[in-house]
Amino acid sequence: MSKAQSLRELLVGGEELTIVCHNNPDPDCLASAIALGRIAAAADIDERRILYSGTVSHQQNRAFVNLLEVDLRPFDADAVRNRPEGSLLAFVDHSVPGENNEVPEGVPVDVVIDHHPAEDIEARFVDHREAVGATATILTEYVLELDVTLDATLATALLFAIRRETLGFLRGVTRAEYSAAGELHDHADRDLLRRLSTPSVSGVTVDAIADSIENRSVRGSVLISHVGRTSERDAIPQAADYLATLEGVQTAVVFGIVEDAIQISARSTDSRLHAGETLRRAFGDVGSAGGHREMAGGEIPLGIFADQATEETDLVSIVERVVTNRLVDELHLDDRTGAREEDQVEE
């Protein structure tokens, strides 16, 4: 029995389905949730809901939710923990309770579909493919195999998600993404794709990117910068994306304070470095961090710095110093030359 058939068999026995997105969901997560909801509907599950935590602040994510009319509901821990018999719980684009989601640890999960690195995944149904470039690719395979109606909304959502997750088929892409995109192409709304790809950018995001440019420090092929405090969490990965294009830069790490946490985003094209593992080793003891070889993120509760600062300027300065020092140590950067220590040759 194929994965798609196994999933359908599990869904047929359910009465309702709760799909939990990871914190601050992106198009890959959202499109995958939409697709799983359609598969559940085809399996005669009438009661379906998509829950999320955090914010939808990136302009493309906001456009995705608004233009595709995604019915998102705020996360409710009690409803997830105390769901009735026959109610199924699904994760898409993440896999472990308490890791990049608000689901309490120990809550049983029925369905996990994900492509991010993870360990100790427990669920009745698991399709975990780290080699695949997007979770939406996996859901596209299911939709096609199970003959779920592929209308313009679903096709557009999945195709945009695959394109966005792989940065236009340039990052982490596999043959599976091209195959899925080929199947989706004729069904997608091209005008809607263009509108999703070119949303307006907020002034807050522009200001954050400008701050990251001004605050950048380049050490060899590594760039480290911060945006100070910002109200838009997704401005930080956008700043990392932009600074990673700077000539000579192979690894860019940008961080900033958003509400009560420090958000960190990393991008790397250095084949010797795994961005996710780098952030995990640098900050795993004080927060959560991880991701792919080329793209990663992390979050540190701001409370650990609260007693060290008397003013906002002090707080930003302390955060900048501590986070930068941890990155310098983990990346083995030499303060004198800015080069990675393993790149230096003894005279």
Protein backbone atom coordinates (compact mmCIF):
# COMPACT_ATOMS: atom_id res chain seq x y z
CA MET A 1 0.00 0.00 0.00
CA SER A 2 1.36 3.43 -0.96
CA LYS A 3 1.74 6.32 1.48
CA ALA A 4 -1.21 8.12 -0.10
CA GLN A 5 -3.44 5.06 0.24
CA SER A 6 -2.36 4.53 3.85
CA LEU A 7 -3.23 8.14 4.65
CA ARG A 8 -6.66 7.83 3.06
CA GLU A 9 -7.35 4.63 4.99
CA LEU A 10 -6.54 6.40 8.26
CA LEU A 11 -8.68 9.42 7.38
CA VAL A 12 -11.69 7.32 6.42
CA GLY A 13 -11.92 6.20 10.03
CA GLY A 14 -11.97 9.75 11.42
CA GLU A 15 -14.88 12.04 12.24
CA GLU A 16 -13.01 15.35 12.27
CA LEU A 17 -9.53 16.62 11.43
CA THR A 18 -7.50 19.33 13.14
CA ILE A 19 -4.47 20.44 11.12
CA VAL A 20 -1.90 22.37 13.14
CA CYS A 21 0.50 24.64 11.30
CA HIS A 22 3.93 25.46 12.67
CA ASN A 23 4.47 28.83 14.32
CA ASN A 24 4.28 31.77 11.89
CA PRO A 25 3.17 29.57 8.96
CA ASP A 26 4.61 30.06 5.49
CA PRO A 27 3.13 29.12 2.08
CA ASP A 28 4.58 25.58 2.16
CA CYS A 29 2.84 24.88 5.46
CA LEU A 30 -0.39 26.63 4.49
CA ALA A 31 -0.69 25.01 1.06
CA SER A 32 0.02 21.60 2.57
CA ALA A 33 -2.71 22.19 5.15
CA ILE A 34 -5.18 23.17 2.42
CA ALA A 35 -4.32 20.04 0.43
CA LEU A 36 -4.63 17.74 3.42
CA GLY A 37 -8.00 19.30 4.17
CA ARG A 38 -9.15 18.54 0.63
CA ILE A 39 -7.96 14.94 0.97
CA ALA A 40 -9.86 14.65 4.24
CA ALA A 41 -13.00 16.05 2.60
CA ALA A 42 -12.71 13.41 -0.11
CA ALA A 43 -12.54 10.83 2.71
CA ASP A 44 -15.87 12.16 4.04
CA ILE A 45 -14.51 14.11 6.99
CA ASP A 46 -16.88 17.07 7.17
CA GLU A 47 -15.41 18.86 10.19
CA ARG A 48 -11.96 20.26 9.34
CA ARG A 49 -9.97 23.14 10.82
CA ILE A 50 -6.54 24.69 10.33
CA LEU A 51 -4.93 26.16 13.45
CA TYR A 52 -1.91 28.43 13.70
CA SER A 53 0.21 30.22 16.30
CA GLY A 54 2.37 33.31 16.01
CA THR A 55 1.78 35.78 13.22
CA VAL A 56 1.35 35.92 9.46
CA SER A 57 3.48 39.01 8.87
CA HIS A 58 5.51 38.35 5.71
CA GLN A 59 3.81 40.19 2.86
CA GLN A 60 3.69 37.06 0.69
CA ASN A 61 2.19 35.03 3.53
CA ARG A 62 -0.47 37.68 4.15
CA ALA A 63 -1.26 37.80 0.43
CA PHE A 64 -1.46 34.00 0.36
CA VAL A 65 -3.99 33.88 3.20
CA ASN A 66 -6.07 36.78 1.85
CA LEU A 67 -6.11 36.00 -1.88
CA LEU A 68 -6.71 32.26 -1.39
CA GLU A 69 -9.19 32.92 1.43
CA VAL A 70 -7.53 30.45 3.79
CA ASP A 71 -9.71 29.79 6.83
CA LEU A 72 -7.13 30.03 9.62
CA ARG A 73 -8.09 29.82 13.27
CA PRO A 74 -6.00 30.73 16.33
CA PHE A 75 -4.41 27.80 18.10
CA ASP A 76 -6.37 26.39 21.06
CA ALA A 77 -4.26 24.11 23.27
CA ASP A 78 -7.25 22.80 25.25
CA ALA A 79 -9.15 21.86 22.11
CA VAL A 80 -6.12 19.98 20.80
CA ARG A 81 -5.35 18.27 24.10
CA ASN A 82 -8.95 17.31 24.89
CA ARG A 83 -10.25 16.48 21.44
CA PRO A 84 -13.01 13.84 21.36
CA GLU A 85 -12.69 10.26 20.18
CA GLY A 86 -12.63 10.09 16.39
CA SER A 87 -10.91 13.45 16.11
CA LEU A 88 -7.59 13.28 14.24
CA LEU A 89 -4.64 15.61 14.76
CA ALA A 90 -2.25 16.36 11.88
CA PHE A 91 1.04 18.22 11.51
CA VAL A 92 2.18 19.50 8.11
CA ASP A 93 5.65 20.99 7.50
CA HIS A 94 6.69 20.22 11.10
CA SER A 95 6.68 17.04 13.11
CA VAL A 96 7.22 17.06 16.89
CA PRO A 97 4.92 18.52 19.59
CA GLY A 98 6.50 21.54 21.26
CA GLU A 99 9.05 22.14 18.49
CA ASN A 100 8.11 25.19 16.40
CA ASN A 101 4.50 24.78 17.48
CA GLU A 102 2.37 25.32 20.59
CA VAL A 103 1.14 21.75 20.92
CA PRO A 104 1.96 20.47 24.43
CA GLU A 105 4.60 17.78 24.59
CA GLY A 106 3.16 14.30 24.87
CA VAL A 107 -0.04 15.01 22.92
CA PRO A 108 -0.57 12.07 20.52
CA VAL A 109 -0.40 12.98 16.84
CA ASP A 110 -2.15 11.00 14.12
CA VAL A 111 -0.60 12.39 10.91
CA VAL A 112 2.85 13.90 10.25
CA ILE A 113 3.92 15.03 6.77
CA ASP A 114 7.17 16.97 6.70
CA HIS A 115 10.49 17.56 4.95
CA HIS A 116 12.45 19.28 7.72
CA PRO A 117 15.22 17.52 9.65
CA ALA A 118 13.77 15.96 12.79
CA GLU A 119 14.19 13.04 15.16
CA ASP A 120 11.86 10.96 17.34
CA ILE A 121 8.77 11.50 15.21
CA GLU A 122 5.80 9.58 16.59
CA ALA A 123 2.44 9.36 14.83
CA ARG A 124 0.05 6.79 13.41
CA PHE A 125 0.98 7.96 9.92
CA VAL A 126 4.38 9.48 9.11
CA ASP A 127 5.77 10.62 5.77
CA HIS A 128 9.06 12.33 6.58
CA ARG A 129 11.26 13.04 3.56
CA GLU A 130 14.21 15.30 4.29
CA ALA A 131 15.50 14.94 0.74
CA VAL A 132 12.39 16.53 -0.77
CA GLY A 133 12.44 20.29 -1.34
CA ALA A 134 8.94 21.11 -0.07
CA THR A 135 6.17 19.50 1.94
CA ALA A 136 3.78 20.75 -0.75
CA THR A 137 5.52 18.38 -3.17
CA ILE A 138 4.49 15.41 -1.04
CA LEU A 139 0.89 16.65 -0.79
CA THR A 140 0.78 17.17 -4.56
CA GLU A 141 1.70 13.50 -5.01
CA TYR A 142 -1.15 12.50 -2.69
CA VAL A 143 -3.69 14.73 -4.44
CA LEU A 144 -2.79 13.27 -7.83
CA GLU A 145 -2.72 9.64 -6.70
CA LEU A 146 -6.00 9.88 -4.79
CA ASP A 147 -7.78 11.72 -7.64
CA VAL A 148 -8.71 14.65 -5.41
CA THR A 149 -10.24 17.49 -7.43
CA LEU A 150 -7.42 19.81 -8.45
CA ASP A 151 -9.14 23.15 -8.91
CA ALA A 152 -7.39 26.47 -9.56
CA THR A 153 -7.20 27.44 -5.89
CA LEU A 154 -5.54 24.22 -4.74
CA ALA A 155 -3.21 24.04 -7.74
CA THR A 156 -2.16 27.67 -7.34
CA ALA A 157 -1.54 27.22 -3.61
CA LEU A 158 0.64 24.14 -4.09
CA LEU A 159 2.56 25.52 -7.07
CA PHE A 160 3.29 28.83 -5.36
CA ALA A 161 4.39 27.01 -2.20
CA ILE A 162 6.84 24.82 -4.11
CA ARG A 163 8.26 27.81 -5.95
CA ARG A 164 8.59 29.85 -2.76
CA GLU A 165 10.10 27.07 -0.66
CA THR A 166 12.77 26.37 -3.29
CA LEU A 167 13.40 30.05 -4.10
CA GLY A 168 12.21 29.63 -7.65
CA PHE A 169 13.63 26.09 -8.02
CA LEU A 170 17.12 27.18 -6.98
CA ARG A 171 17.36 25.95 -3.36
CA GLY A 172 17.00 22.34 -2.22
CA VAL A 173 15.07 21.44 -5.36
CA THR A 174 14.76 17.83 -6.53
CA ARG A 175 13.27 16.09 -9.52
CA ALA A 176 10.09 15.66 -7.47
CA GLU A 177 9.50 19.45 -7.36
CA TYR A 178 9.78 19.77 -11.14
CA SER A 179 7.43 16.81 -11.60
CA ALA A 180 4.87 18.23 -9.18
CA ALA A 181 5.08 21.68 -10.76
CA GLY A 182 4.52 20.19 -14.18
CA GLU A 183 1.34 18.50 -13.00
CA LEU A 184 0.07 21.66 -11.30
CA HIS A 185 0.94 24.14 -14.04
CA ASP A 186 -2.09 23.71 -16.30
CA HIS A 187 -4.53 23.90 -13.38
CA ALA A 188 -3.07 26.99 -11.66
CA ASP A 189 -4.33 30.56 -12.00
CA ARG A 190 -1.38 32.42 -13.54
CA ASP A 191 -2.72 35.87 -12.72
CA LEU A 192 -3.10 34.85 -9.09
CA LEU A 193 0.44 33.44 -9.10
CA ARG A 194 1.76 36.82 -10.27
CA ARG A 195 -0.19 38.64 -7.56
CA LEU A 196 1.14 36.28 -4.89
CA SER A 197 4.70 36.73 -6.14
CA THR A 198 4.69 40.54 -6.10
CA PRO A 199 2.87 41.77 -2.98
CA SER A 200 3.51 45.24 -1.61
CA VAL A 201 6.28 45.57 0.99
CA SER A 202 5.61 47.38 4.27
CA GLY A 203 7.70 50.31 5.43
CA VAL A 204 8.60 48.36 8.58
CA THR A 205 10.19 45.61 6.47
CA VAL A 206 12.14 48.12 4.40
CA ASP A 207 13.39 49.82 7.56
CA ALA A 208 14.50 46.48 9.03
CA ILE A 209 16.40 45.54 5.88
CA ALA A 210 18.03 49.00 5.87
CA ASP A 211 19.10 48.54 9.49
CA SER A 212 20.57 45.12 8.70
CA ILE A 213 22.60 46.65 5.88
CA GLU A 214 23.92 49.40 8.14
CA ASN A 215 24.73 47.02 11.01
CA ARG A 216 26.42 44.32 8.94
CA SER A 217 29.81 42.91 9.85
CA VAL A 218 31.64 40.76 7.30
CA ARG A 219 34.30 38.31 8.42
CA GLY A 220 35.70 36.45 5.46
CA SER A 221 32.72 34.86 3.71
CA VAL A 222 30.46 35.19 6.78
CA LEU A 223 28.15 38.15 7.33
CA ILE A 224 26.52 38.79 10.70
CA SER A 225 24.01 41.59 11.25
CA HIS A 226 21.00 42.65 13.31
CA VAL A 227 17.93 44.83 12.87
CA GLY A 228 17.58 45.97 16.47
CA ARG A 229 13.90 45.73 17.40
CA THR A 230 11.18 45.28 14.77
CA SER A 231 7.45 44.56 14.82
CA GLU A 232 7.61 42.27 11.78
CA ARG A 233 9.22 38.92 12.44
CA ASP A 234 9.41 38.02 8.75
CA ALA A 235 11.51 41.09 8.01
CA ILE A 236 14.47 39.21 9.52
CA PRO A 237 14.58 36.28 7.04
CA GLN A 238 13.99 38.76 4.23
CA ALA A 239 17.02 40.73 5.40
CA ALA A 240 19.03 37.49 5.51
CA ASP A 241 17.91 36.62 1.97
CA TYR A 242 19.01 40.04 0.74
CA LEU A 243 22.38 40.15 2.50
CA ALA A 244 23.20 36.61 1.37
CA THR A 245 23.42 38.01 -2.17
CA LEU A 246 26.29 40.34 -1.26
CA GLU A 247 29.40 39.63 -3.30
CA GLY A 248 31.81 37.35 -1.46
CA VAL A 249 29.28 36.31 1.20
CA GLN A 250 28.54 32.60 1.52
CA THR A 251 26.83 32.66 4.91
CA ALA A 252 24.55 35.42 6.24
CA VAL A 253 23.02 35.45 9.73
CA VAL A 254 20.59 38.19 10.77
CA PHE A 255 18.88 38.54 14.13
CA GLY A 256 16.55 40.96 15.83
CA ILE A 257 14.18 41.48 18.74
CA VAL A 258 10.51 40.82 18.02
CA GLU A 259 8.19 41.33 21.01
CA ASP A 260 9.58 39.10 23.79
CA ALA A 261 12.02 36.98 21.78
CA ILE A 262 15.16 37.17 19.66
CA GLN A 263 14.56 35.85 16.16
CA ILE A 264 17.50 34.54 14.12
CA SER A 265 17.66 33.67 10.43
CA ALA A 266 20.56 32.13 8.51
CA ARG A 267 21.28 31.54 4.83
CA SER A 268 24.31 29.69 3.49
CA THR A 269 25.73 28.41 0.22
CA ASP A 270 28.91 27.13 1.91
CA SER A 271 29.05 23.37 1.26
CA ARG A 272 31.14 22.88 4.41
CA LEU A 273 28.48 24.37 6.69
CA HIS A 274 25.03 23.15 7.72
CA ALA A 275 23.05 26.25 8.71
CA GLY A 276 20.49 24.37 10.78
CA GLU A 277 23.06 22.45 12.79
CA THR A 278 25.14 25.60 13.26
CA LEU A 279 22.26 27.51 14.82
CA ARG A 280 21.22 24.50 16.88
CA ARG A 281 24.69 24.14 18.39
CA ALA A 282 25.03 27.89 18.98
CA PHE A 283 21.63 28.53 20.58
CA GLY A 284 19.99 25.20 21.40
CA ASP A 285 20.86 25.54 25.09
CA VAL A 286 19.04 28.88 25.44
CA GLY A 287 16.25 28.57 22.89
CA SER A 288 15.16 26.59 19.85
CA ALA A 289 16.98 26.51 16.53
CA GLY A 290 17.45 24.32 13.48
CA GLY A 291 16.61 23.92 9.82
CA HIS A 292 18.12 22.90 6.51
CA ARG A 293 21.70 23.04 5.27
CA GLU A 294 21.07 26.24 3.31
CA MET A 295 18.31 27.87 5.38
CA ALA A 296 17.68 27.90 9.13
CA GLY A 297 16.13 29.87 11.95
CA GLY A 298 16.00 30.15 15.71
CA GLU A 299 14.26 31.82 18.61
CA ILE A 300 15.60 32.80 22.03
CA PRO A 301 13.32 34.04 24.84
CA LEU A 302 14.23 37.61 25.65
CA GLY A 303 13.72 37.02 29.36
CA ILE A 304 17.25 35.69 29.83
CA PHE A 305 18.55 39.22 29.08
CA ALA A 306 15.94 41.16 31.05
CA ASP A 307 18.00 41.54 34.22
CA GLN A 308 21.08 42.68 32.32
CA ALA A 309 19.65 45.88 30.81
CA THR A 310 18.14 49.00 32.31
CA GLU A 311 17.20 50.70 29.03
CA GLU A 312 16.15 49.60 25.55
CA THR A 313 19.46 50.69 24.04
CA ASP A 314 21.28 48.59 26.64
CA LEU A 315 19.13 45.58 25.79
CA VAL A 316 19.79 45.82 22.06
CA SER A 317 23.51 46.23 22.71
CA ILE A 318 23.65 43.22 25.03
CA VAL A 319 21.70 41.04 22.61
CA GLU A 320 23.96 42.10 19.76
CA ARG A 321 27.10 41.25 21.72
CA VAL A 322 25.95 37.90 23.10
CA VAL A 323 24.41 36.57 19.88
CA THR A 324 27.34 37.74 17.76
CA ASN A 325 29.88 36.18 20.13
CA ARG A 326 28.06 32.85 20.07
CA LEU A 327 28.02 32.89 16.28
CA VAL A 328 31.71 33.84 16.09
CA ASP A 329 32.58 30.97 18.44
CA GLU A 330 30.41 28.41 16.67
CA LEU A 331 31.62 29.42 13.20
CA HIS A 332 35.23 29.46 14.44
CA LEU A 333 35.81 32.95 13.10
CA ASP A 334 39.16 34.60 13.79
CA ASP A 335 38.65 38.13 15.11
CA ARG A 336 41.95 39.34 13.64
CA THR A 337 41.38 38.33 10.04
CA GLY A 338 37.69 37.58 9.91
CA ALA A 339 38.44 34.25 8.25
CA ARG A 340 37.21 30.86 9.38
CA GLU A 341 39.99 29.23 11.36
CA GLU A 342 39.96 26.05 9.30
CA ASP A 343 40.53 28.13 6.16
CA GLN A 344 43.82 29.53 7.44
CA VAL A 345 47.08 27.92 6.40
CA GLU A 346 50.03 27.92 8.76
CA GLU A 347 52.98 29.88 7.47
